[in-house]
PDB file of N, CA and C in Angstrom:
ATOM      1  N   LEU A   1       0.818  -1.188   0.000  1.00  0.00           N
ATOM      2  CA  LEU A   1       0.000   0.000   0.000  1.00  0.00           C
ATOM      3  C   LEU A   1       0.865   1.256   0.000  1.00  0.00           C
ATOM      4  N   ARG A   2       1.842   1.256  -0.813  1.00  0.00           N
ATOM      5  CA  ARG A   2       2.739   2.405  -0.884  1.00  0.00           C
ATOM      6  C   ARG A   2       2.092   3.532  -1.667  1.00  0.00           C
ATOM      7  N   GLU A   3       2.427   4.726  -1.255  1.00  0.00           N
ATOM      8  CA  GLU A   3       1.912   5.913  -1.911  1.00  0.00           C
ATOM      9  C   GLU A   3       2.262   5.895  -3.397  1.00  0.00           C
ATOM     10  N   GLY A   4       1.295   6.271  -4.222  1.00  0.00           N
ATOM     11  CA  GLY A   4       1.541   6.331  -5.651  1.00  0.00           C
ATOM     12  C   GLY A   4       1.393   4.998  -6.362  1.00  0.00           C
ATOM     13  N   LYS A   5       1.089   3.968  -5.646  1.00  0.00           N
ATOM     14  CA  LYS A   5       0.949   2.632  -6.227  1.00  0.00           C
ATOM     15  C   LYS A   5      -0.428   2.069  -5.894  1.00  0.00           C
ATOM     16  N   GLU A   6      -1.454   2.890  -6.049  1.00  0.00           N
ATOM     17  CA  GLU A   6      -2.791   2.519  -5.616  1.00  0.00           C
ATOM     18  C   GLU A   6      -3.326   1.260  -6.300  1.00  0.00           C
ATOM     19  N   LYS A   7      -3.147   1.151  -7.623  1.00  0.00           N
ATOM     20  CA  LYS A   7      -3.670  -0.018  -8.337  1.00  0.00           C
ATOM     21  C   LYS A   7      -3.004  -1.297  -7.860  1.00  0.00           C
ATOM     22  N   GLU A   8      -1.682  -1.257  -7.747  1.00  0.00           N
ATOM     23  CA  GLU A   8      -0.958  -2.433  -7.280  1.00  0.00           C
ATOM     24  C   GLU A   8      -1.338  -2.768  -5.842  1.00  0.00           C
ATOM     25  N   ALA A   9      -1.490  -1.742  -5.032  1.00  0.00           N
ATOM     26  CA  ALA A   9      -1.842  -1.953  -3.630  1.00  0.00           C
ATOM     27  C   ALA A   9      -3.238  -2.550  -3.508  1.00  0.00           C
ATOM     28  N   THR A  10      -4.168  -2.063  -4.301  1.00  0.00           N
ATOM     29  CA  THR A  10      -5.529  -2.596  -4.263  1.00  0.00           C
ATOM     30  C   THR A  10      -5.532  -4.060  -4.675  1.00  0.00           C
ATOM     31  N   PHE A  11      -4.799  -4.386  -5.721  1.00  0.00           N
ATOM     32  CA  PHE A  11      -4.708  -5.772  -6.165  1.00  0.00           C
ATOM     33  C   PHE A  11      -4.088  -6.646  -5.081  1.00  0.00           C
ATOM     34  N   ALA A  12      -2.998  -6.180  -4.494  1.00  0.00           N
ATOM     35  CA  ALA A  12      -2.314  -6.951  -3.456  1.00  0.00           C
ATOM     36  C   ALA A  12      -3.220  -7.155  -2.251  1.00  0.00           C
ATOM     37  N   LYS A  13      -3.918  -6.112  -1.858  1.00  0.00           N
ATOM     38  CA  LYS A  13      -4.832  -6.207  -0.717  1.00  0.00           C
ATOM     39  C   LYS A  13      -5.929  -7.227  -0.999  1.00  0.00           C
ATOM     40  N   ASP A  14      -6.522  -7.139  -2.166  1.00  0.00           N
ATOM     41  CA  ASP A  14      -7.583  -8.077  -2.525  1.00  0.00           C
ATOM     42  C   ASP A  14      -7.060  -9.511  -2.556  1.00  0.00           C
ATOM     43  N   LEU A  15      -5.876  -9.687  -3.100  1.00  0.00           N
ATOM     44  CA  LEU A  15      -5.280 -11.018  -3.174  1.00  0.00           C
ATOM     45  C   LEU A  15      -4.999 -11.573  -1.782  1.00  0.00           C
ATOM     46  N   LEU A  16      -4.424 -10.760  -0.926  1.00  0.00           N
ATOM     47  CA  LEU A  16      -4.136 -11.204   0.436  1.00  0.00           C
ATOM     48  C   LEU A  16      -5.408 -11.606   1.172  1.00  0.00           C
ATOM     49  N   MET A  17      -6.454 -10.844   0.996  1.00  0.00           N
ATOM     50  CA  MET A  17      -7.702 -11.147   1.693  1.00  0.00           C
ATOM     51  C   MET A  17      -8.346 -12.425   1.171  1.00  0.00           C
ATOM     52  N   VAL A  18      -8.135 -12.747  -0.093  1.00  0.00           N
ATOM     53  CA  VAL A  18      -8.669 -13.990  -0.648  1.00  0.00           C
ATOM     54  C   VAL A  18      -7.850 -15.180  -0.160  1.00  0.00           C
ATOM     55  N   VAL A  19      -6.543 -15.031  -0.183  1.00  0.00           N
ATOM     56  CA  VAL A  19      -5.649 -16.134   0.172  1.00  0.00           C
ATOM     57  C   VAL A  19      -5.674 -16.418   1.671  1.00  0.00           C
ATOM     58  N   SER A  20      -5.656 -15.387   2.482  1.00  0.00           N
ATOM     59  CA  SER A  20      -5.551 -15.568   3.940  1.00  0.00           C
ATOM     60  C   SER A  20      -6.418 -14.565   4.699  1.00  0.00           C
ATOM     61  N   PRO A  21      -7.729 -14.672   4.590  1.00  0.00           N
ATOM     62  CA  PRO A  21      -8.590 -13.666   5.218  1.00  0.00           C
ATOM     63  C   PRO A  21      -8.539 -13.649   6.748  1.00  0.00           C
ATOM     64  N   LYS A  22      -8.073 -14.727   7.349  1.00  0.00           N
ATOM     65  CA  LYS A  22      -8.021 -14.782   8.814  1.00  0.00           C
ATOM     66  C   LYS A  22      -6.597 -14.753   9.353  1.00  0.00           C
ATOM     67  N   SER A  23      -5.678 -14.331   8.532  1.00  0.00           N
ATOM     68  CA  SER A  23      -4.285 -14.272   8.956  1.00  0.00           C
ATOM     69  C   SER A  23      -4.013 -12.977   9.718  1.00  0.00           C
ATOM     70  N   PRO A  24      -3.543 -13.084  10.963  1.00  0.00           N
ATOM     71  CA  PRO A  24      -3.203 -11.863  11.684  1.00  0.00           C
ATOM     72  C   PRO A  24      -2.087 -11.087  10.987  1.00  0.00           C
ATOM     73  N   PHE A  25      -1.157 -11.803  10.357  1.00  0.00           N
ATOM     74  CA  PHE A  25      -0.059 -11.150   9.645  1.00  0.00           C
ATOM     75  C   PHE A  25      -0.578 -10.304   8.485  1.00  0.00           C
ATOM     76  N   VAL A  26      -1.537 -10.835   7.739  1.00  0.00           N
ATOM     77  CA  VAL A  26      -2.115 -10.092   6.611  1.00  0.00           C
ATOM     78  C   VAL A  26      -2.771  -8.812   7.114  1.00  0.00           C
ATOM     79  N   HIS A  27      -3.561  -8.923   8.160  1.00  0.00           N
ATOM     80  CA  HIS A  27      -4.247  -7.740   8.683  1.00  0.00           C
ATOM     81  C   HIS A  27      -3.256  -6.737   9.273  1.00  0.00           C
ATOM     82  N   TYR A  28      -2.210  -7.240   9.911  1.00  0.00           N
ATOM     83  CA  TYR A  28      -1.170  -6.356  10.436  1.00  0.00           C
ATOM     84  C   TYR A  28      -0.503  -5.579   9.297  1.00  0.00           C
ATOM     85  N   GLN A  29      -0.149  -6.270   8.226  1.00  0.00           N
ATOM     86  CA  GLN A  29       0.502  -5.611   7.095  1.00  0.00           C
ATOM     87  C   GLN A  29      -0.432  -4.602   6.425  1.00  0.00           C
ATOM     88  N   LEU A  30      -1.693  -4.960   6.305  1.00  0.00           N
ATOM     89  CA  LEU A  30      -2.659  -4.016   5.738  1.00  0.00           C
ATOM     90  C   LEU A  30      -2.784  -2.783   6.628  1.00  0.00           C
ATOM     91  N   ALA A  31      -2.828  -2.997   7.929  1.00  0.00           N
ATOM     92  CA  ALA A  31      -2.915  -1.872   8.869  1.00  0.00           C
ATOM     93  C   ALA A  31      -1.708  -0.951   8.718  1.00  0.00           C
ATOM     94  N   ARG A  32      -0.534  -1.527   8.577  1.00  0.00           N
ATOM     95  CA  ARG A  32       0.675  -0.713   8.378  1.00  0.00           C
ATOM     96  C   ARG A  32       0.551   0.137   7.117  1.00  0.00           C
ATOM     97  N   GLY A  33       0.078  -0.466   6.053  1.00  0.00           N
ATOM     98  CA  GLY A  33      -0.074   0.268   4.800  1.00  0.00           C
ATOM     99  C   GLY A  33      -1.079   1.400   4.918  1.00  0.00           C
ATOM    100  N   TYR A  34      -2.199   1.120   5.553  1.00  0.00           N
ATOM    101  CA  TYR A  34      -3.204   2.172   5.728  1.00  0.00           C
ATOM    102  C   TYR A  34      -2.671   3.293   6.623  1.00  0.00           C
ATOM    103  N   ALA A  35      -1.969   2.934   7.678  1.00  0.00           N
ATOM    104  CA  ALA A  35      -1.408   3.956   8.566  1.00  0.00           C
ATOM    105  C   ALA A  35      -0.386   4.815   7.814  1.00  0.00           C
ATOM    106  N   ARG A  36       0.443   4.171   6.995  1.00  0.00           N
ATOM    107  CA  ARG A  36       1.440   4.906   6.195  1.00  0.00           C
ATOM    108  C   ARG A  36       0.780   5.898   5.250  1.00  0.00           C
ATOM    109  N   ASN A  37      -0.404   5.547   4.788  1.00  0.00           N
ATOM    110  CA  ASN A  37      -1.106   6.391   3.827  1.00  0.00           C
ATOM    111  C   ASN A  37      -2.160   7.277   4.490  1.00  0.00           C
ATOM    112  N   ASN A  38      -1.992   7.479   5.786  1.00  0.00           N
ATOM    113  CA  ASN A  38      -2.843   8.394   6.544  1.00  0.00           C
ATOM    114  C   ASN A  38      -4.325   8.017   6.477  1.00  0.00           C
ATOM    115  N   LEU A  39      -4.594   6.733   6.643  1.00  0.00           N
ATOM    116  CA  LEU A  39      -5.966   6.228   6.706  1.00  0.00           C
ATOM    117  C   LEU A  39      -6.146   5.521   8.054  1.00  0.00           C
ATOM    118  N   PRO A  40      -6.186   6.305   9.136  1.00  0.00           N
ATOM    119  CA  PRO A  40      -6.180   5.705  10.471  1.00  0.00           C
ATOM    120  C   PRO A  40      -7.373   4.801  10.766  1.00  0.00           C
ATOM    121  N   PHE A  41      -8.546   5.126  10.260  1.00  0.00           N
ATOM    122  CA  PHE A  41      -9.709   4.294  10.563  1.00  0.00           C
ATOM    123  C   PHE A  41      -9.581   2.915   9.925  1.00  0.00           C
ATOM    124  N   LYS A  42      -9.058   2.868   8.699  1.00  0.00           N
ATOM    125  CA  LYS A  42      -8.827   1.576   8.040  1.00  0.00           C
ATOM    126  C   LYS A  42      -7.708   0.819   8.755  1.00  0.00           C
ATOM    127  N   ALA A  43      -6.677   1.538   9.171  1.00  0.00           N
ATOM    128  CA  ALA A  43      -5.577   0.899   9.895  1.00  0.00           C
ATOM    129  C   ALA A  43      -6.093   0.254  11.177  1.00  0.00           C
ATOM    130  N   ILE A  44      -6.884   0.993  11.918  1.00  0.00           N
ATOM    131  CA  ILE A  44      -7.408   0.489  13.188  1.00  0.00           C
ATOM    132  C   ILE A  44      -8.327  -0.707  12.958  1.00  0.00           C
ATOM    133  N   GLU A  45      -9.107  -0.661  11.910  1.00  0.00           N
ATOM    134  CA  GLU A  45      -9.978  -1.796  11.571  1.00  0.00           C
ATOM    135  C   GLU A  45      -9.148  -3.072  11.398  1.00  0.00           C
ATOM    136  N   HIS A  46      -8.033  -2.956  10.700  1.00  0.00           N
ATOM    137  CA  HIS A  46      -7.204  -4.142  10.457  1.00  0.00           C
ATOM    138  C   HIS A  46      -6.359  -4.522  11.671  1.00  0.00           C
ATOM    139  N   ILE A  47      -6.008  -3.568  12.501  1.00  0.00           N
ATOM    140  CA  ILE A  47      -5.321  -3.902  13.755  1.00  0.00           C
ATOM    141  C   ILE A  47      -6.252  -4.748  14.614  1.00  0.00           C
ATOM    142  N   GLU A  48      -7.495  -4.328  14.694  1.00  0.00           N
ATOM    143  CA  GLU A  48      -8.458  -5.089  15.496  1.00  0.00           C
ATOM    144  C   GLU A  48      -8.651  -6.494  14.926  1.00  0.00           C
ATOM    145  N   GLN A  49      -8.740  -6.608  13.618  1.00  0.00           N
ATOM    146  CA  GLN A  49      -8.893  -7.932  13.011  1.00  0.00           C
ATOM    147  C   GLN A  49      -7.652  -8.786  13.246  1.00  0.00           C
ATOM    148  N   ALA A  50      -6.484  -8.186  13.168  1.00  0.00           N
ATOM    149  CA  ALA A  50      -5.252  -8.935  13.442  1.00  0.00           C
ATOM    150  C   ALA A  50      -5.285  -9.495  14.858  1.00  0.00           C
ATOM    151  N   MET A  51      -5.758  -8.695  15.783  1.00  0.00           N
ATOM    152  CA  MET A  51      -5.826  -9.157  17.171  1.00  0.00           C
ATOM    153  C   MET A  51      -6.908 -10.223  17.342  1.00  0.00           C
ATOM    154  N   GLN A  52      -8.017 -10.064  16.657  1.00  0.00           N
ATOM    155  CA  GLN A  52      -9.074 -11.076  16.720  1.00  0.00           C
ATOM    156  C   GLN A  52      -8.575 -12.424  16.206  1.00  0.00           C
ATOM    157  N   PHE A  53      -7.694 -12.376  15.214  1.00  0.00           N
ATOM    158  CA  PHE A  53      -7.208 -13.609  14.603  1.00  0.00           C
ATOM    159  C   PHE A  53      -5.900 -14.111  15.209  1.00  0.00           C
ATOM    160  N   GLY A  54      -5.472 -13.513  16.320  1.00  0.00           N
ATOM    161  CA  GLY A  54      -4.368 -14.125  17.041  1.00  0.00           C
ATOM    162  C   GLY A  54      -3.158 -13.278  17.370  1.00  0.00           C
ATOM    163  N   LEU A  55      -3.053 -12.080  16.843  1.00  0.00           N
ATOM    164  CA  LEU A  55      -1.916 -11.232  17.199  1.00  0.00           C
ATOM    165  C   LEU A  55      -2.159 -10.691  18.603  1.00  0.00           C
ATOM    166  N   LYS A  56      -1.283 -11.032  19.534  1.00  0.00           N
ATOM    167  CA  LYS A  56      -1.519 -10.672  20.937  1.00  0.00           C
ATOM    168  C   LYS A  56      -0.454  -9.754  21.526  1.00  0.00           C
ATOM    169  N   ASP A  57       0.598  -9.487  20.800  1.00  0.00           N
ATOM    170  CA  ASP A  57       1.709  -8.707  21.336  1.00  0.00           C
ATOM    171  C   ASP A  57       1.422  -7.208  21.232  1.00  0.00           C
ATOM    172  N   LYS A  58       0.866  -6.659  22.296  1.00  0.00           N
ATOM    173  CA  LYS A  58       0.471  -5.251  22.307  1.00  0.00           C
ATOM    174  C   LYS A  58       1.676  -4.319  22.215  1.00  0.00           C
ATOM    175  N   GLU A  59       2.771  -4.686  22.848  1.00  0.00           N
ATOM    176  CA  GLU A  59       3.977  -3.850  22.776  1.00  0.00           C
ATOM    177  C   GLU A  59       4.506  -3.790  21.347  1.00  0.00           C
ATOM    178  N   PHE A  60       4.433  -4.904  20.657  1.00  0.00           N
ATOM    179  CA  PHE A  60       4.840  -4.947  19.258  1.00  0.00           C
ATOM    180  C   PHE A  60       4.019  -3.941  18.449  1.00  0.00           C
ATOM    181  N   LEU A  61       2.714  -3.922  18.685  1.00  0.00           N
ATOM    182  CA  LEU A  61       1.846  -2.980  17.972  1.00  0.00           C
ATOM    183  C   LEU A  61       2.158  -1.539  18.368  1.00  0.00           C
ATOM    184  N   ARG A  62       2.325  -1.304  19.652  1.00  0.00           N
ATOM    185  CA  ARG A  62       2.643   0.058  20.113  1.00  0.00           C
ATOM    186  C   ARG A  62       3.955   0.560  19.513  1.00  0.00           C
ATOM    187  N   ASN A  63       4.895  -0.354  19.309  1.00  0.00           N
ATOM    188  CA  ASN A  63       6.220   0.032  18.820  1.00  0.00           C
ATOM    189  C   ASN A  63       6.356  -0.002  17.305  1.00  0.00           C
ATOM    190  N   THR A  64       5.304  -0.392  16.614  1.00  0.00           N
ATOM    191  CA  THR A  64       5.348  -0.383  15.154  1.00  0.00           C
ATOM    192  C   THR A  64       5.403   1.063  14.682  1.00  0.00           C
ATOM    193  N   LYS A  65       6.421   1.369  13.920  1.00  0.00           N
ATOM    194  CA  LYS A  65       6.674   2.746  13.473  1.00  0.00           C
ATOM    195  C   LYS A  65       5.431   3.384  12.857  1.00  0.00           C
ATOM    196  N   GLU A  66       4.746   2.667  12.006  1.00  0.00           N
ATOM    197  CA  GLU A  66       3.590   3.221  11.308  1.00  0.00           C
ATOM    198  C   GLU A  66       2.427   3.531  12.247  1.00  0.00           C
ATOM    199  N   PHE A  67       2.403   2.910  13.418  1.00  0.00           N
ATOM    200  CA  PHE A  67       1.286   3.115  14.339  1.00  0.00           C
ATOM    201  C   PHE A  67       1.556   4.198  15.381  1.00  0.00           C
ATOM    202  N   LYS A  68       2.726   4.791  15.352  1.00  0.00           N
ATOM    203  CA  LYS A  68       3.047   5.846  16.323  1.00  0.00           C
ATOM    204  C   LYS A  68       2.021   6.977  16.266  1.00  0.00           C
ATOM    205  N   SER A  69       1.550   7.294  15.078  1.00  0.00           N
ATOM    206  CA  SER A  69       0.571   8.380  14.932  1.00  0.00           C
ATOM    207  C   SER A  69      -0.792   8.007  15.515  1.00  0.00           C
ATOM    208  N   LEU A  70      -1.005   6.726  15.794  1.00  0.00           N
ATOM    209  CA  LEU A  70      -2.280   6.280  16.358  1.00  0.00           C
ATOM    210  C   LEU A  70      -2.254   6.262  17.884  1.00  0.00           C
ATOM    211  N   GLY A  71      -1.119   6.580  18.459  1.00  0.00           N
ATOM    212  CA  GLY A  71      -0.916   6.444  19.899  1.00  0.00           C
ATOM    213  C   GLY A  71      -1.949   7.114  20.779  1.00  0.00           C
ATOM    214  N   THR A  72      -2.539   8.208  20.327  1.00  0.00           N
ATOM    215  CA  THR A  72      -3.544   8.903  21.134  1.00  0.00           C
ATOM    216  C   THR A  72      -4.966   8.656  20.633  1.00  0.00           C
ATOM    217  N   ASN A  73      -5.096   7.841  19.608  1.00  0.00           N
ATOM    218  CA  ASN A  73      -6.413   7.541  19.046  1.00  0.00           C
ATOM    219  C   ASN A  73      -7.199   6.668  20.026  1.00  0.00           C
ATOM    220  N   LYS A  74      -8.397   7.092  20.366  1.00  0.00           N
ATOM    221  CA  LYS A  74      -9.205   6.380  21.369  1.00  0.00           C
ATOM    222  C   LYS A  74      -9.517   4.946  20.960  1.00  0.00           C
ATOM    223  N   GLU A  75      -9.780   4.719  19.688  1.00  0.00           N
ATOM    224  CA  GLU A  75     -10.075   3.358  19.219  1.00  0.00           C
ATOM    225  C   GLU A  75      -8.843   2.468  19.318  1.00  0.00           C
ATOM    226  N   PHE A  76      -7.697   2.995  18.956  1.00  0.00           N
ATOM    227  CA  PHE A  76      -6.445   2.237  19.054  1.00  0.00           C
ATOM    228  C   PHE A  76      -6.187   1.861  20.515  1.00  0.00           C
ATOM    229  N   ILE A  77      -6.358   2.811  21.404  1.00  0.00           N
ATOM    230  CA  ILE A  77      -6.160   2.562  22.835  1.00  0.00           C
ATOM    231  C   ILE A  77      -7.148   1.516  23.334  1.00  0.00           C
ATOM    232  N   ARG A  78      -8.405   1.630  22.905  1.00  0.00           N
ATOM    233  CA  ARG A  78      -9.432   0.670  23.326  1.00  0.00           C
ATOM    234  C   ARG A  78      -9.096  -0.744  22.856  1.00  0.00           C
ATOM    235  N   ILE A  79      -8.678  -0.859  21.611  1.00  0.00           N
ATOM    236  CA  ILE A  79      -8.353  -2.175  21.063  1.00  0.00           C
ATOM    237  C   ILE A  79      -7.207  -2.806  21.842  1.00  0.00           C
ATOM    238  N   LEU A  80      -6.182  -2.028  22.113  1.00  0.00           N
ATOM    239  CA  LEU A  80      -5.049  -2.571  22.862  1.00  0.00           C
ATOM    240  C   LEU A  80      -5.464  -2.964  24.277  1.00  0.00           C
ATOM    241  N   LYS A  81      -6.391  -2.257  24.834  1.00  0.00           N
ATOM    242  CA  LYS A  81      -6.868  -2.571  26.183  1.00  0.00           C
ATOM    243  C   LYS A  81      -7.759  -3.819  26.182  1.00  0.00           C
ATOM    244  N   ASP A  82      -8.626  -3.930  25.185  1.00  0.00           N
ATOM    245  CA  ASP A  82      -9.629  -5.000  25.154  1.00  0.00           C
ATOM    246  C   ASP A  82      -9.075  -6.373  24.802  1.00  0.00           C
ATOM    247  N   TYR A  83      -7.966  -6.423  24.092  1.00  0.00           N
ATOM    248  CA  TYR A  83      -7.478  -7.737  23.636  1.00  0.00           C
ATOM    249  C   TYR A  83      -6.330  -8.213  24.458  1.00  0.00           C
TER     250      TYR A  83
END
């Protein structure tokens, strides 16, 4: 989901969701891409799905460079608290 590569990113996202829709890694990577592209609500949606599907390391999420901008987001804080 790199900037300027929207078509490729859309294809990759669709492919990942078809191949591994319940993979925490897929949702984590999608969240990183959305966060990089300043789409915090989409990023948070995929962070929550990653956690639902098994990603449990909250410190890892807090320390992910792309998620630093989400640090004060109420939904991000809630998700980290709830899981």
